[in-house]
PDB file of N, CA and C in Angstrom:
ATOM      1  N   UNK A   1     -54.406   4.858  52.765  1.00  0.00           N
ATOM      2  CA  UNK A   1     -53.443   4.948  51.682  1.00  0.00           C
ATOM      3  C   UNK A   1     -54.157   5.402  50.406  1.00  0.00           C
ATOM      4  N   UNK A   2     -53.399   6.097  49.606  1.00  0.00           N
ATOM      5  CA  UNK A   2     -53.913   6.608  48.352  1.00  0.00           C
ATOM      6  C   UNK A   2     -52.763   6.665  47.358  1.00  0.00           C
ATOM      7  N   UNK A   3     -53.038   7.079  46.161  1.00  0.00           N
ATOM      8  CA  UNK A   3     -51.980   7.314  45.194  1.00  0.00           C
ATOM      9  C   UNK A   3     -52.323   8.587  44.435  1.00  0.00           C
ATOM     10  N   UNK A   4     -51.425   9.573  44.528  1.00  0.00           N
ATOM     11  CA  UNK A   4     -51.626  10.844  43.853  1.00  0.00           C
ATOM     12  C   UNK A   4     -50.576  10.960  42.751  1.00  0.00           C
ATOM     13  N   UNK A   5     -51.017  10.886  41.519  1.00  0.00           N
ATOM     14  CA  UNK A   5     -50.111  10.880  40.369  1.00  0.00           C
ATOM     15  C   UNK A   5     -49.314  12.177  40.257  1.00  0.00           C
ATOM     16  N   UNK A   6     -49.939  13.316  40.528  1.00  0.00           N
ATOM     17  CA  UNK A   6     -49.234  14.601  40.404  1.00  0.00           C
ATOM     18  C   UNK A   6     -48.056  14.680  41.373  1.00  0.00           C
ATOM     19  N   UNK A   7     -48.280  14.280  42.614  1.00  0.00           N
ATOM     20  CA  UNK A   7     -47.180  14.303  43.582  1.00  0.00           C
ATOM     21  C   UNK A   7     -46.123  13.264  43.222  1.00  0.00           C
ATOM     22  N   UNK A   8     -46.546  12.117  42.698  1.00  0.00           N
ATOM     23  CA  UNK A   8     -45.597  11.086  42.305  1.00  0.00           C
ATOM     24  C   UNK A   8     -44.707  11.560  41.153  1.00  0.00           C
ATOM     25  N   UNK A   9     -45.305  12.184  40.155  1.00  0.00           N
ATOM     26  CA  UNK A   9     -44.514  12.686  39.032  1.00  0.00           C
ATOM     27  C   UNK A   9     -43.560  13.789  39.481  1.00  0.00           C
ATOM     28  N   UNK A  10     -44.016  14.639  40.383  1.00  0.00           N
ATOM     29  CA  UNK A  10     -43.149  15.685  40.938  1.00  0.00           C
ATOM     30  C   UNK A  10     -42.002  15.055  41.722  1.00  0.00           C
ATOM     31  N   UNK A  11     -42.316  14.023  42.511  1.00  0.00           N
ATOM     32  CA  UNK A  11     -41.285  13.285  43.240  1.00  0.00           C
ATOM     33  C   UNK A  11     -40.251  12.731  42.267  1.00  0.00           C
ATOM     34  N   UNK A  12     -40.689  12.098  41.197  1.00  0.00           N
ATOM     35  CA  UNK A  12     -39.771  11.505  40.212  1.00  0.00           C
ATOM     36  C   UNK A  12     -38.876  12.568  39.585  1.00  0.00           C
ATOM     37  N   UNK A  13     -39.454  13.705  39.211  1.00  0.00           N
ATOM     38  CA  UNK A  13     -38.678  14.798  38.633  1.00  0.00           C
ATOM     39  C   UNK A  13     -37.632  15.311  39.628  1.00  0.00           C
ATOM     40  N   UNK A  14     -38.045  15.517  40.865  1.00  0.00           N
ATOM     41  CA  UNK A  14     -37.115  15.999  41.885  1.00  0.00           C
ATOM     42  C   UNK A  14     -36.027  14.974  42.176  1.00  0.00           C
ATOM     43  N   UNK A  15     -36.367  13.699  42.140  1.00  0.00           N
ATOM     44  CA  UNK A  15     -35.366  12.653  42.354  1.00  0.00           C
ATOM     45  C   UNK A  15     -34.301  12.701  41.260  1.00  0.00           C
ATOM     46  N   UNK A  16     -34.731  12.873  40.024  1.00  0.00           N
ATOM     47  CA  UNK A  16     -33.779  12.991  38.909  1.00  0.00           C
ATOM     48  C   UNK A  16     -32.887  14.217  39.104  1.00  0.00           C
ATOM     49  N   UNK A  17     -33.479  15.330  39.499  1.00  0.00           N
ATOM     50  CA  UNK A  17     -32.700  16.551  39.740  1.00  0.00           C
ATOM     51  C   UNK A  17     -31.695  16.328  40.859  1.00  0.00           C
ATOM     52  N   UNK A  18     -32.136  15.702  41.949  1.00  0.00           N
ATOM     53  CA  UNK A  18     -31.244  15.445  43.081  1.00  0.00           C
ATOM     54  C   UNK A  18     -30.085  14.532  42.687  1.00  0.00           C
ATOM     55  N   UNK A  19     -30.367  13.502  41.908  1.00  0.00           N
ATOM     56  CA  UNK A  19     -29.302  12.587  41.456  1.00  0.00           C
ATOM     57  C   UNK A  19     -28.323  13.348  40.567  1.00  0.00           C
ATOM     58  N   UNK A  20     -28.820  14.182  39.682  1.00  0.00           N
ATOM     59  CA  UNK A  20     -27.943  14.986  38.819  1.00  0.00           C
ATOM     60  C   UNK A  20     -27.079  15.936  39.646  1.00  0.00           C
ATOM     61  N   UNK A  21     -27.668  16.556  40.647  1.00  0.00           N
ATOM     62  CA  UNK A  21     -26.900  17.436  41.533  1.00  0.00           C
ATOM     63  C   UNK A  21     -25.798  16.637  42.216  1.00  0.00           C
ATOM     64  N   UNK A  22     -26.145  15.470  42.737  1.00  0.00           N
ATOM     65  CA  UNK A  22     -25.164  14.648  43.455  1.00  0.00           C
ATOM     66  C   UNK A  22     -24.043  14.167  42.542  1.00  0.00           C
ATOM     67  N   UNK A  23     -24.373  13.838  41.308  1.00  0.00           N
ATOM     68  CA  UNK A  23     -23.374  13.274  40.394  1.00  0.00           C
ATOM     69  C   UNK A  23     -22.527  14.319  39.671  1.00  0.00           C
ATOM     70  N   UNK A  24     -23.123  15.467  39.360  1.00  0.00           N
ATOM     71  CA  UNK A  24     -22.454  16.378  38.447  1.00  0.00           C
ATOM     72  C   UNK A  24     -22.104  17.753  39.008  1.00  0.00           C
ATOM     73  N   UNK A  25     -22.591  18.083  40.185  1.00  0.00           N
ATOM     74  CA  UNK A  25     -22.340  19.429  40.717  1.00  0.00           C
ATOM     75  C   UNK A  25     -21.585  19.311  42.038  1.00  0.00           C
ATOM     76  N   UNK A  26     -20.487  20.032  42.105  1.00  0.00           N
ATOM     77  CA  UNK A  26     -19.688  20.035  43.327  1.00  0.00           C
ATOM     78  C   UNK A  26     -19.280  21.479  43.611  1.00  0.00           C
ATOM     79  N   UNK A  27     -20.229  22.251  44.119  1.00  0.00           N
ATOM     80  CA  UNK A  27     -19.987  23.660  44.392  1.00  0.00           C
ATOM     81  C   UNK A  27     -20.324  23.973  45.847  1.00  0.00           C
ATOM     82  N   UNK A  28     -20.435  25.243  46.160  1.00  0.00           N
ATOM     83  CA  UNK A  28     -20.716  25.638  47.545  1.00  0.00           C
ATOM     84  C   UNK A  28     -22.141  26.133  47.761  1.00  0.00           C
ATOM     85  N   UNK A  29     -22.953  26.172  46.697  1.00  0.00           N
ATOM     86  CA  UNK A  29     -24.334  26.656  46.856  1.00  0.00           C
ATOM     87  C   UNK A  29     -25.354  25.608  46.413  1.00  0.00           C
ATOM     88  N   UNK A  30     -25.267  25.163  45.175  1.00  0.00           N
ATOM     89  CA  UNK A  30     -26.301  24.266  44.650  1.00  0.00           C
ATOM     90  C   UNK A  30     -26.299  22.930  45.367  1.00  0.00           C
ATOM     91  N   UNK A  31     -25.169  22.266  45.419  1.00  0.00           N
ATOM     92  CA  UNK A  31     -25.147  20.935  46.027  1.00  0.00           C
ATOM     93  C   UNK A  31     -25.494  20.961  47.514  1.00  0.00           C
ATOM     94  N   UNK A  32     -24.813  21.771  48.321  1.00  0.00           N
ATOM     95  CA  UNK A  32     -25.128  21.696  49.756  1.00  0.00           C
ATOM     96  C   UNK A  32     -26.415  22.399  50.163  1.00  0.00           C
ATOM     97  N   UNK A  33     -26.751  23.523  49.535  1.00  0.00           N
ATOM     98  CA  UNK A  33     -27.900  24.289  50.004  1.00  0.00           C
ATOM     99  C   UNK A  33     -29.162  23.989  49.205  1.00  0.00           C
ATOM    100  N   UNK A  34     -29.107  24.147  47.894  1.00  0.00           N
ATOM    101  CA  UNK A  34     -30.281  23.896  47.052  1.00  0.00           C
ATOM    102  C   UNK A  34     -30.659  22.420  47.131  1.00  0.00           C
ATOM    103  N   UNK A  35     -29.658  21.546  47.152  1.00  0.00           N
ATOM    104  CA  UNK A  35     -29.927  20.110  47.273  1.00  0.00           C
ATOM    105  C   UNK A  35     -30.678  19.770  48.551  1.00  0.00           C
ATOM    106  N   UNK A  36     -30.275  20.377  49.673  1.00  0.00           N
ATOM    107  CA  UNK A  36     -30.971  20.139  50.941  1.00  0.00           C
ATOM    108  C   UNK A  36     -32.376  20.727  50.938  1.00  0.00           C
ATOM    109  N   UNK A  37     -32.529  21.875  50.313  1.00  0.00           N
ATOM    110  CA  UNK A  37     -33.852  22.480  50.213  1.00  0.00           C
ATOM    111  C   UNK A  37     -34.778  21.589  49.369  1.00  0.00           C
ATOM    112  N   UNK A  38     -34.252  21.096  48.258  1.00  0.00           N
ATOM    113  CA  UNK A  38     -35.052  20.239  47.378  1.00  0.00           C
ATOM    114  C   UNK A  38     -35.374  18.889  47.997  1.00  0.00           C
ATOM    115  N   UNK A  39     -34.488  18.377  48.850  1.00  0.00           N
ATOM    116  CA  UNK A  39     -34.749  17.057  49.427  1.00  0.00           C
ATOM    117  C   UNK A  39     -35.976  17.090  50.336  1.00  0.00           C
ATOM    118  N   UNK A  40     -36.215  18.213  50.989  1.00  0.00           N
ATOM    119  CA  UNK A  40     -37.418  18.345  51.812  1.00  0.00           C
ATOM    120  C   UNK A  40     -38.658  18.312  50.922  1.00  0.00           C
ATOM    121  N   UNK A  41     -38.594  18.994  49.793  1.00  0.00           N
ATOM    122  CA  UNK A  41     -39.720  18.994  48.858  1.00  0.00           C
ATOM    123  C   UNK A  41     -39.903  17.598  48.267  1.00  0.00           C
ATOM    124  N   UNK A  42     -38.803  16.925  47.962  1.00  0.00           N
ATOM    125  CA  UNK A  42     -38.833  15.558  47.445  1.00  0.00           C
ATOM    126  C   UNK A  42     -39.537  14.615  48.426  1.00  0.00           C
ATOM    127  N   UNK A  43     -39.139  14.660  49.682  1.00  0.00           N
ATOM    128  CA  UNK A  43     -39.755  13.800  50.703  1.00  0.00           C
ATOM    129  C   UNK A  43     -41.229  14.154  50.876  1.00  0.00           C
ATOM    130  N   UNK A  44     -41.537  15.450  50.876  1.00  0.00           N
ATOM    131  CA  UNK A  44     -42.920  15.893  50.979  1.00  0.00           C
ATOM    132  C   UNK A  44     -43.765  15.306  49.849  1.00  0.00           C
ATOM    133  N   UNK A  45     -43.266  15.380  48.626  1.00  0.00           N
ATOM    134  CA  UNK A  45     -44.017  14.835  47.478  1.00  0.00           C
ATOM    135  C   UNK A  45     -44.184  13.332  47.601  1.00  0.00           C
ATOM    136  N   UNK A  46     -43.170  12.644  48.113  1.00  0.00           N
ATOM    137  CA  UNK A  46     -43.278  11.200  48.319  1.00  0.00           C
ATOM    138  C   UNK A  46     -44.379  10.887  49.333  1.00  0.00           C
ATOM    139  N   UNK A  47     -44.388  11.617  50.438  1.00  0.00           N
ATOM    140  CA  UNK A  47     -45.417  11.415  51.471  1.00  0.00           C
ATOM    141  C   UNK A  47     -46.798  11.685  50.899  1.00  0.00           C
ATOM    142  N   UNK A  48     -46.958  12.788  50.186  1.00  0.00           N
ATOM    143  CA  UNK A  48     -48.268  13.155  49.639  1.00  0.00           C
ATOM    144  C   UNK A  48     -48.714  12.223  48.512  1.00  0.00           C
ATOM    145  N   UNK A  49     -47.764  11.493  47.918  1.00  0.00           N
ATOM    146  CA  UNK A  49     -48.116  10.507  46.898  1.00  0.00           C
ATOM    147  C   UNK A  49     -48.965   9.402  47.505  1.00  0.00           C
ATOM    148  N   UNK A  50     -48.628   8.973  48.709  1.00  0.00           N
ATOM    149  CA  UNK A  50     -49.249   7.788  49.296  1.00  0.00           C
ATOM    150  C   UNK A  50     -50.136   8.033  50.508  1.00  0.00           C
ATOM    151  N   UNK A  51     -50.004   9.187  51.132  1.00  0.00           N
ATOM    152  CA  UNK A  51     -50.781   9.460  52.345  1.00  0.00           C
ATOM    153  C   UNK A  51     -51.658  10.681  52.118  1.00  0.00           C
ATOM    154  N   UNK A  52     -52.951  10.495  52.286  1.00  0.00           N
ATOM    155  CA  UNK A  52     -53.892  11.609  52.129  1.00  0.00           C
ATOM    156  C   UNK A  52     -54.003  12.304  53.485  1.00  0.00           C
ATOM    157  N   UNK A  53     -53.427  13.474  53.563  1.00  0.00           N
ATOM    158  CA  UNK A  53     -53.441  14.275  54.778  1.00  0.00           C
ATOM    159  C   UNK A  53     -53.385  15.739  54.376  1.00  0.00           C
ATOM    160  N   UNK A  54     -53.563  16.616  55.324  1.00  0.00           N
ATOM    161  CA  UNK A  54     -53.481  18.040  54.996  1.00  0.00           C
ATOM    162  C   UNK A  54     -52.035  18.404  54.691  1.00  0.00           C
ATOM    163  N   UNK A  55     -51.883  19.412  53.870  1.00  0.00           N
ATOM    164  CA  UNK A  55     -50.518  19.812  53.515  1.00  0.00           C
ATOM    165  C   UNK A  55     -49.765  20.343  54.726  1.00  0.00           C
ATOM    166  N   UNK A  56     -50.466  20.967  55.669  1.00  0.00           N
ATOM    167  CA  UNK A  56     -49.791  21.465  56.873  1.00  0.00           C
ATOM    168  C   UNK A  56     -49.226  20.321  57.709  1.00  0.00           C
ATOM    169  N   UNK A  57     -50.016  19.273  57.901  1.00  0.00           N
ATOM    170  CA  UNK A  57     -49.521  18.114  58.657  1.00  0.00           C
ATOM    171  C   UNK A  57     -48.344  17.464  57.949  1.00  0.00           C
ATOM    172  N   UNK A  58     -48.430  17.374  56.635  1.00  0.00           N
ATOM    173  CA  UNK A  58     -47.345  16.760  55.866  1.00  0.00           C
ATOM    174  C   UNK A  58     -46.066  17.600  55.958  1.00  0.00           C
ATOM    175  N   UNK A  59     -46.195  18.915  55.837  1.00  0.00           N
ATOM    176  CA  UNK A  59     -45.021  19.797  55.944  1.00  0.00           C
ATOM    177  C   UNK A  59     -44.382  19.665  57.321  1.00  0.00           C
ATOM    178  N   UNK A  60     -45.200  19.723  58.351  1.00  0.00           N
ATOM    179  CA  UNK A  60     -44.676  19.623  59.720  1.00  0.00           C
ATOM    180  C   UNK A  60     -43.983  18.282  59.923  1.00  0.00           C
ATOM    181  N   UNK A  61     -44.605  17.204  59.450  1.00  0.00           N
ATOM    182  CA  UNK A  61     -44.000  15.880  59.597  1.00  0.00           C
ATOM    183  C   UNK A  61     -42.682  15.745  58.860  1.00  0.00           C
ATOM    184  N   UNK A  62     -42.631  16.242  57.645  1.00  0.00           N
ATOM    185  CA  UNK A  62     -41.397  16.151  56.854  1.00  0.00           C
ATOM    186  C   UNK A  62     -40.304  17.018  57.474  1.00  0.00           C
ATOM    187  N   UNK A  63     -40.635  18.217  57.901  1.00  0.00           N
ATOM    188  CA  UNK A  63     -39.628  19.065  58.542  1.00  0.00           C
ATOM    189  C   UNK A  63     -39.129  18.449  59.843  1.00  0.00           C
ATOM    190  N   UNK A  64     -40.018  17.890  60.630  1.00  0.00           N
ATOM    191  CA  UNK A  64     -39.609  17.217  61.863  1.00  0.00           C
ATOM    192  C   UNK A  64     -38.628  16.088  61.545  1.00  0.00           C
ATOM    193  N   UNK A  65     -38.956  15.284  60.546  1.00  0.00           N
ATOM    194  CA  UNK A  65     -38.078  14.196  60.120  1.00  0.00           C
ATOM    195  C   UNK A  65     -36.709  14.729  59.704  1.00  0.00           C
ATOM    196  N   UNK A  66     -36.690  15.785  58.877  1.00  0.00           N
ATOM    197  CA  UNK A  66     -35.423  16.355  58.406  1.00  0.00           C
ATOM    198  C   UNK A  66     -34.596  16.902  59.565  1.00  0.00           C
ATOM    199  N   UNK A  67     -35.254  17.573  60.513  1.00  0.00           N
ATOM    200  CA  UNK A  67     -34.540  18.120  61.668  1.00  0.00           C
ATOM    201  C   UNK A  67     -33.970  17.004  62.541  1.00  0.00           C
ATOM    202  N   UNK A  68     -34.727  15.928  62.706  1.00  0.00           N
ATOM    203  CA  UNK A  68     -34.240  14.792  63.508  1.00  0.00           C
ATOM    204  C   UNK A  68     -33.030  14.149  62.843  1.00  0.00           C
ATOM    205  N   UNK A  69     -33.098  13.945  61.541  1.00  0.00           N
ATOM    206  CA  UNK A  69     -31.948  13.368  60.824  1.00  0.00           C
ATOM    207  C   UNK A  69     -30.731  14.272  60.986  1.00  0.00           C
ATOM    208  N   UNK A  70     -30.925  15.567  60.876  1.00  0.00           N
ATOM    209  CA  UNK A  70     -29.800  16.498  61.049  1.00  0.00           C
ATOM    210  C   UNK A  70     -29.271  16.455  62.478  1.00  0.00           C
ATOM    211  N   UNK A  71     -30.155  16.388  63.458  1.00  0.00           N
ATOM    212  CA  UNK A  71     -29.725  16.308  64.859  1.00  0.00           C
ATOM    213  C   UNK A  71     -28.952  15.021  65.124  1.00  0.00           C
ATOM    214  N   UNK A  72     -29.378  13.932  64.507  1.00  0.00           N
ATOM    215  CA  UNK A  72     -28.677  12.658  64.657  1.00  0.00           C
ATOM    216  C   UNK A  72     -27.238  12.785  64.160  1.00  0.00           C
ATOM    217  N   UNK A  73     -27.022  13.600  63.137  1.00  0.00           N
ATOM    218  CA  UNK A  73     -25.670  13.789  62.613  1.00  0.00           C
ATOM    219  C   UNK A  73     -24.747  14.404  63.661  1.00  0.00           C
ATOM    220  N   UNK A  74     -25.294  15.195  64.564  1.00  0.00           N
ATOM    221  CA  UNK A  74     -24.485  15.816  65.618  1.00  0.00           C
ATOM    222  C   UNK A  74     -24.038  14.810  66.667  1.00  0.00           C
ATOM    223  N   UNK A  75     -24.663  13.628  66.682  1.00  0.00           N
ATOM    224  CA  UNK A  75     -24.352  12.632  67.713  1.00  0.00           C
ATOM    225  C   UNK A  75     -23.425  11.527  67.234  1.00  0.00           C
ATOM    226  N   UNK A  76     -22.949  11.600  66.016  1.00  0.00           N
ATOM    227  CA  UNK A  76     -22.123  10.530  65.420  1.00  0.00           C
ATOM    228  C   UNK A  76     -22.864   9.203  65.408  1.00  0.00           C
ATOM    229  N   UNK A  77     -24.161   9.268  65.198  1.00  0.00           N
ATOM    230  CA  UNK A  77     -25.031   8.087  65.182  1.00  0.00           C
ATOM    231  C   UNK A  77     -24.540   7.028  64.202  1.00  0.00           C
ATOM    232  N   UNK A  78     -24.076   7.464  63.043  1.00  0.00           N
ATOM    233  CA  UNK A  78     -23.640   6.522  62.014  1.00  0.00           C
ATOM    234  C   UNK A  78     -22.489   5.647  62.516  1.00  0.00           C
ATOM    235  N   UNK A  79     -21.652   6.196  63.384  1.00  0.00           N
ATOM    236  CA  UNK A  79     -20.559   5.407  63.970  1.00  0.00           C
ATOM    237  C   UNK A  79     -21.102   4.431  65.009  1.00  0.00           C
ATOM    238  N   UNK A  80     -22.067   4.879  65.797  1.00  0.00           N
ATOM    239  CA  UNK A  80     -22.656   4.039  66.834  1.00  0.00           C
ATOM    240  C   UNK A  80     -23.304   2.792  66.260  1.00  0.00           C
ATOM    241  N   UNK A  81     -23.934   2.921  65.086  1.00  0.00           N
ATOM    242  CA  UNK A  81     -24.630   1.765  64.508  1.00  0.00           C
ATOM    243  C   UNK A  81     -23.728   0.955  63.574  1.00  0.00           C
ATOM    244  N   UNK A  82     -22.445   1.336  63.519  1.00  0.00           N
ATOM    245  CA  UNK A  82     -21.478   0.556  62.764  1.00  0.00           C
ATOM    246  C   UNK A  82     -21.525   0.734  61.262  1.00  0.00           C
ATOM    247  N   UNK A  83     -22.038   1.874  60.785  1.00  0.00           N
ATOM    248  CA  UNK A  83     -22.134   2.092  59.344  1.00  0.00           C
ATOM    249  C   UNK A  83     -21.215   3.207  58.848  1.00  0.00           C
ATOM    250  N   UNK A  84     -20.184   3.519  59.608  1.00  0.00           N
ATOM    251  CA  UNK A  84     -19.306   4.621  59.222  1.00  0.00           C
ATOM    252  C   UNK A  84     -18.512   4.323  57.952  1.00  0.00           C
ATOM    253  N   UNK A  85     -18.393   3.067  57.565  1.00  0.00           N
ATOM    254  CA  UNK A  85     -17.695   2.708  56.327  1.00  0.00           C
ATOM    255  C   UNK A  85     -18.648   2.431  55.173  1.00  0.00           C
ATOM    256  N   UNK A  86     -19.948   2.555  55.405  1.00  0.00           N
ATOM    257  CA  UNK A  86     -20.953   2.289  54.378  1.00  0.00           C
ATOM    258  C   UNK A  86     -21.278   3.593  53.653  1.00  0.00           C
ATOM    259  N   UNK A  87     -20.858   3.684  52.385  1.00  0.00           N
ATOM    260  CA  UNK A  87     -21.026   4.922  51.622  1.00  0.00           C
ATOM    261  C   UNK A  87     -22.492   5.312  51.436  1.00  0.00           C
ATOM    262  N   UNK A  88     -23.360   4.336  51.204  1.00  0.00           N
ATOM    263  CA  UNK A  88     -24.785   4.634  51.013  1.00  0.00           C
ATOM    264  C   UNK A  88     -25.383   5.192  52.296  1.00  0.00           C
ATOM    265  N   UNK A  89     -25.064   4.586  53.432  1.00  0.00           N
ATOM    266  CA  UNK A  89     -25.559   5.085  54.724  1.00  0.00           C
ATOM    267  C   UNK A  89     -25.049   6.496  54.990  1.00  0.00           C
ATOM    268  N   UNK A  90     -23.804   6.758  54.638  1.00  0.00           N
ATOM    269  CA  UNK A  90     -23.242   8.095  54.832  1.00  0.00           C
ATOM    270  C   UNK A  90     -23.943   9.130  53.968  1.00  0.00           C
ATOM    271  N   UNK A  91     -24.337   8.748  52.758  1.00  0.00           N
ATOM    272  CA  UNK A  91     -25.052   9.683  51.878  1.00  0.00           C
ATOM    273  C   UNK A  91     -26.455   9.940  52.413  1.00  0.00           C
ATOM    274  N   UNK A  92     -27.152   8.882  52.815  1.00  0.00           N
ATOM    275  CA  UNK A  92     -28.539   9.019  53.273  1.00  0.00           C
ATOM    276  C   UNK A  92     -28.621   9.715  54.627  1.00  0.00           C
ATOM    277  N   UNK A  93     -27.833   9.256  55.588  1.00  0.00           N
ATOM    278  CA  UNK A  93     -27.901   9.803  56.945  1.00  0.00           C
ATOM    279  C   UNK A  93     -27.046  11.046  57.136  1.00  0.00           C
ATOM    280  N   UNK A  94     -26.015  11.186  56.327  1.00  0.00           N
ATOM    281  CA  UNK A  94     -25.096  12.301  56.496  1.00  0.00           C
ATOM    282  C   UNK A  94     -24.140  12.038  57.642  1.00  0.00           C
ATOM    283  N   UNK A  95     -23.133  12.861  57.727  1.00  0.00           N
ATOM    284  CA  UNK A  95     -22.117  12.636  58.764  1.00  0.00           C
ATOM    285  C   UNK A  95     -21.802  13.872  59.580  1.00  0.00           C
ATOM    286  N   UNK A  96     -22.275  15.039  59.171  1.00  0.00           N
ATOM    287  CA  UNK A  96     -21.906  16.279  59.841  1.00  0.00           C
ATOM    288  C   UNK A  96     -23.118  17.172  60.045  1.00  0.00           C
ATOM    289  N   UNK A  97     -23.306  17.619  61.274  1.00  0.00           N
ATOM    290  CA  UNK A  97     -24.379  18.569  61.575  1.00  0.00           C
ATOM    291  C   UNK A  97     -23.985  19.948  61.068  1.00  0.00           C
ATOM    292  N   UNK A  98     -24.956  20.665  60.488  1.00  0.00           N
ATOM    293  CA  UNK A  98     -24.708  22.027  60.015  1.00  0.00           C
ATOM    294  C   UNK A  98     -26.002  22.830  60.127  1.00  0.00           C
ATOM    295  N   UNK A  99     -25.928  23.968  60.793  1.00  0.00           N
ATOM    296  CA  UNK A  99     -27.103  24.824  60.943  1.00  0.00           C
ATOM    297  C   UNK A  99     -27.627  25.304  59.594  1.00  0.00           C
ATOM    298  N   UNK A 100     -26.737  25.422  58.605  1.00  0.00           N
ATOM    299  CA  UNK A 100     -27.180  25.842  57.273  1.00  0.00           C
ATOM    300  C   UNK A 100     -28.135  24.817  56.668  1.00  0.00           C
ATOM    301  N   UNK A 101     -27.965  23.552  57.020  1.00  0.00           N
ATOM    302  CA  UNK A 101     -28.900  22.529  56.542  1.00  0.00           C
ATOM    303  C   UNK A 101     -30.291  22.755  57.131  1.00  0.00           C
ATOM    304  N   UNK A 102     -30.344  23.110  58.404  1.00  0.00           N
ATOM    305  CA  UNK A 102     -31.626  23.409  59.048  1.00  0.00           C
ATOM    306  C   UNK A 102     -32.308  24.578  58.331  1.00  0.00           C
ATOM    307  N   UNK A 103     -31.529  25.597  57.990  1.00  0.00           N
ATOM    308  CA  UNK A 103     -32.072  26.747  57.263  1.00  0.00           C
ATOM    309  C   UNK A 103     -32.588  26.306  55.894  1.00  0.00           C
ATOM    310  N   UNK A 104     -31.804  25.484  55.196  1.00  0.00           N
ATOM    311  CA  UNK A 104     -32.224  25.010  53.863  1.00  0.00           C
ATOM    312  C   UNK A 104     -33.509  24.193  53.962  1.00  0.00           C
ATOM    313  N   UNK A 105     -33.598  23.303  54.953  1.00  0.00           N
ATOM    314  CA  UNK A 105     -34.824  22.517  55.134  1.00  0.00           C
ATOM    315  C   UNK A 105     -36.010  23.433  55.396  1.00  0.00           C
ATOM    316  N   UNK A 106     -35.803  24.432  56.234  1.00  0.00           N
ATOM    317  CA  UNK A 106     -36.879  25.360  56.581  1.00  0.00           C
ATOM    318  C   UNK A 106     -37.349  26.148  55.364  1.00  0.00           C
ATOM    319  N   UNK A 107     -36.416  26.591  54.546  1.00  0.00           N
ATOM    320  CA  UNK A 107     -36.790  27.310  53.321  1.00  0.00           C
ATOM    321  C   UNK A 107     -37.577  26.384  52.401  1.00  0.00           C
ATOM    322  N   UNK A 108     -37.153  25.123  52.292  1.00  0.00           N
ATOM    323  CA  UNK A 108     -37.912  24.156  51.504  1.00  0.00           C
ATOM    324  C   UNK A 108     -39.332  24.015  52.029  1.00  0.00           C
ATOM    325  N   UNK A 109     -39.488  23.972  53.348  1.00  0.00           N
ATOM    326  CA  UNK A 109     -40.814  23.889  53.954  1.00  0.00           C
ATOM    327  C   UNK A 109     -41.660  25.113  53.656  1.00  0.00           C
ATOM    328  N   UNK A 110     -41.058  26.291  53.709  1.00  0.00           N
ATOM    329  CA  UNK A 110     -41.781  27.526  53.402  1.00  0.00           C
ATOM    330  C   UNK A 110     -42.200  27.546  51.935  1.00  0.00           C
ATOM    331  N   UNK A 111     -41.327  27.088  51.045  1.00  0.00           N
ATOM    332  CA  UNK A 111     -41.691  27.032  49.624  1.00  0.00           C
ATOM    333  C   UNK A 111     -42.870  26.095  49.386  1.00  0.00           C
ATOM    334  N   UNK A 112     -42.874  24.961  50.074  1.00  0.00           N
ATOM    335  CA  UNK A 112     -44.011  24.044  49.973  1.00  0.00           C
ATOM    336  C   UNK A 112     -45.278  24.736  50.461  1.00  0.00           C
ATOM    337  N   UNK A 113     -45.184  25.383  51.596  1.00  0.00           N
ATOM    338  CA  UNK A 113     -46.334  26.073  52.177  1.00  0.00           C
ATOM    339  C   UNK A 113     -46.889  27.118  51.211  1.00  0.00           C
ATOM    340  N   UNK A 114     -46.020  27.926  50.645  1.00  0.00           N
ATOM    341  CA  UNK A 114     -46.460  28.958  49.690  1.00  0.00           C
ATOM    342  C   UNK A 114     -47.116  28.311  48.482  1.00  0.00           C
ATOM    343  N   UNK A 115     -46.478  27.288  47.926  1.00  0.00           N
ATOM    344  CA  UNK A 115     -47.018  26.633  46.741  1.00  0.00           C
ATOM    345  C   UNK A 115     -48.383  26.017  47.040  1.00  0.00           C
ATOM    346  N   UNK A 116     -48.473  25.283  48.144  1.00  0.00           N
ATOM    347  CA  UNK A 116     -49.739  24.627  48.493  1.00  0.00           C
ATOM    348  C   UNK A 116     -50.841  25.645  48.779  1.00  0.00           C
ATOM    349  N   UNK A 117     -50.488  26.704  49.479  1.00  0.00           N
ATOM    350  CA  UNK A 117     -51.501  27.684  49.884  1.00  0.00           C
ATOM    351  C   UNK A 117     -52.024  28.500  48.692  1.00  0.00           C
ATOM    352  N   UNK A 118     -51.144  28.856  47.780  1.00  0.00           N
ATOM    353  CA  UNK A 118     -51.538  29.789  46.727  1.00  0.00           C
ATOM    354  C   UNK A 118     -51.699  29.183  45.333  1.00  0.00           C
ATOM    355  N   UNK A 119     -51.165  27.994  45.104  1.00  0.00           N
ATOM    356  CA  UNK A 119     -51.195  27.454  43.748  1.00  0.00           C
ATOM    357  C   UNK A 119     -51.891  26.098  43.599  1.00  0.00           C
ATOM    358  N   UNK A 120     -52.225  25.467  44.705  1.00  0.00           N
ATOM    359  CA  UNK A 120     -52.886  24.154  44.626  1.00  0.00           C
ATOM    360  C   UNK A 120     -54.313  24.296  45.111  1.00  0.00           C
ATOM    361  N   UNK A 121     -55.214  23.747  44.350  1.00  0.00           N
ATOM    362  CA  UNK A 121     -56.624  23.776  44.745  1.00  0.00           C
ATOM    363  C   UNK A 121     -56.886  22.631  45.715  1.00  0.00           C
ATOM    364  N   UNK A 122     -57.335  22.949  46.912  1.00  0.00           N
ATOM    365  CA  UNK A 122     -57.597  21.939  47.945  1.00  0.00           C
ATOM    366  C   UNK A 122     -59.083  21.691  48.050  1.00  0.00           C
ATOM    367  N   UNK A 123     -59.430  20.398  48.172  1.00  0.00           N
ATOM    368  CA  UNK A 123     -60.846  20.042  48.301  1.00  0.00           C
ATOM    369  C   UNK A 123     -61.347  20.351  49.672  1.00  0.00           C
TER     370      UNK A 123
END
């Protein structure tokens, strides 16, 4: 375990942006697509805040997690576990599978890869 202040501050900024998107934007591009793209970056920054690992392993792990959560949405998992009436669970887990979400997650992963490869100095 470690603590990386830069990733933590980035996580905090992205969390504020995500909350603002969720509360104030209800459109067809920013909320569903940009929000999903940013959530992958948000989770990545959270992971890198506390776990010292290579950026490639972190990207792969976060994308795998995002894809699994999206796949779970295709199975009506939230109904199986009895949380279909829980608004917080519905927001976190989602309720509907969409291939566009997979694309948004993937673009978020590519943006992380580009940023890490070309703009971050690695020891």
